[in-house]
Amino acid sequence: MIRSGTAEKLVTALQRDGGRVLRFPCLAGETGSTIYEAHTAVRELILNGRALASPNVACSACHRLHLVVGLRTGG
């Protein structure tokens, strides 16, 4: 269950394209939140099993190699 509005916006931003992954500054920019709010939302999604963080992956928005967050696939 997603509780925060920022987490809902984050899911929407990541669902825009299949397999989309974003680093924290890009997540914050796309959701209109602060980096702190993005961290909190990502933590919520990871604890609920909805998201996964991966190190040294190219961000879908800025293409920088960094820690990125994406939605878990499958059931």
Protein backbone atom coordinates (compact mmCIF):
# COMPACT_ATOMS: atom_id res chain seq x y z
CA MET A 1 0.00 0.00 0.00
CA ILE A 2 1.40 3.38 -1.02
CA ARG A 3 0.74 6.11 1.53
CA SER A 4 2.50 9.26 0.31
CA GLY A 5 1.61 11.43 -2.64
CA THR A 6 5.28 11.66 -3.58
CA ALA A 7 5.48 7.87 -3.83
CA GLU A 8 2.44 7.87 -6.13
CA LYS A 9 4.11 10.50 -8.35
CA LEU A 10 7.32 8.47 -8.33
CA VAL A 11 5.50 5.34 -9.53
CA THR A 12 3.86 7.39 -12.29
CA ALA A 13 7.23 8.83 -13.37
CA LEU A 14 8.84 5.38 -13.47
CA GLN A 15 5.92 3.81 -15.37
CA ARG A 16 6.16 6.35 -18.18
CA ASP A 17 8.41 3.99 -20.19
CA GLY A 18 9.03 0.31 -19.57
CA GLY A 19 12.21 -0.39 -17.60
CA ARG A 20 12.72 3.28 -16.71
CA VAL A 21 15.25 3.99 -13.93
CA LEU A 22 16.06 7.38 -12.42
CA ARG A 23 18.63 8.76 -9.98
CA PHE A 24 17.46 10.77 -6.98
CA PRO A 25 17.91 14.30 -8.40
CA CYS A 26 16.00 13.31 -11.55
CA LEU A 27 13.26 11.66 -9.46
CA ALA A 28 12.93 14.84 -7.41
CA GLY A 29 12.75 16.98 -10.55
CA GLU A 30 10.14 14.80 -12.24
CA THR A 31 7.92 14.58 -9.15
CA GLY A 32 8.28 18.23 -8.11
CA SER A 33 9.67 17.20 -4.73
CA THR A 34 12.88 17.72 -2.77
CA ILE A 35 15.62 15.09 -2.77
CA TYR A 36 14.71 14.31 0.86
CA GLU A 37 11.08 13.67 -0.15
CA ALA A 38 12.28 11.51 -3.05
CA HIS A 39 14.47 9.46 -0.66
CA THR A 40 11.52 8.97 1.69
CA ALA A 41 9.23 7.91 -1.15
CA VAL A 42 11.82 5.48 -2.53
CA ARG A 43 12.26 3.98 0.93
CA GLU A 44 8.49 3.52 1.16
CA LEU A 45 8.35 1.80 -2.24
CA ILE A 46 11.34 -0.46 -1.49
CA LEU A 47 9.84 -1.51 1.87
CA ASN A 48 6.55 -2.29 0.10
CA GLY A 49 8.36 -4.36 -2.53
CA ARG A 50 7.44 -2.02 -5.41
CA ALA A 51 10.90 -0.56 -6.21
CA LEU A 52 14.50 -1.66 -6.48
CA ALA A 53 17.69 0.41 -6.26
CA SER A 54 20.65 -0.48 -8.50
CA PRO A 55 24.18 1.01 -8.38
CA ASN A 56 26.20 2.18 -11.39
CA VAL A 57 23.36 2.17 -13.90
CA ALA A 58 22.64 4.89 -16.47
CA CYS A 59 19.73 7.13 -15.49
CA SER A 60 16.95 7.15 -18.10
CA ALA A 61 16.65 10.95 -17.89
CA CYS A 62 20.23 12.29 -17.71
CA HIS A 63 22.22 9.16 -18.71
CA ARG A 64 24.70 9.56 -15.82
CA LEU A 65 25.96 6.38 -14.17
CA HIS A 66 24.75 6.46 -10.59
CA LEU A 67 22.52 4.76 -8.01
CA VAL A 68 19.13 4.57 -9.70
CA VAL A 69 15.66 3.43 -8.70
CA GLY A 70 13.24 1.47 -10.85
CA LEU A 71 10.02 -0.43 -10.35
CA ARG A 72 10.18 -4.17 -9.71
CA THR A 73 8.86 -6.25 -12.58
CA GLY A 74 6.93 -9.45 -12.41
CA GLY A 75 4.73 -10.78 -9.72
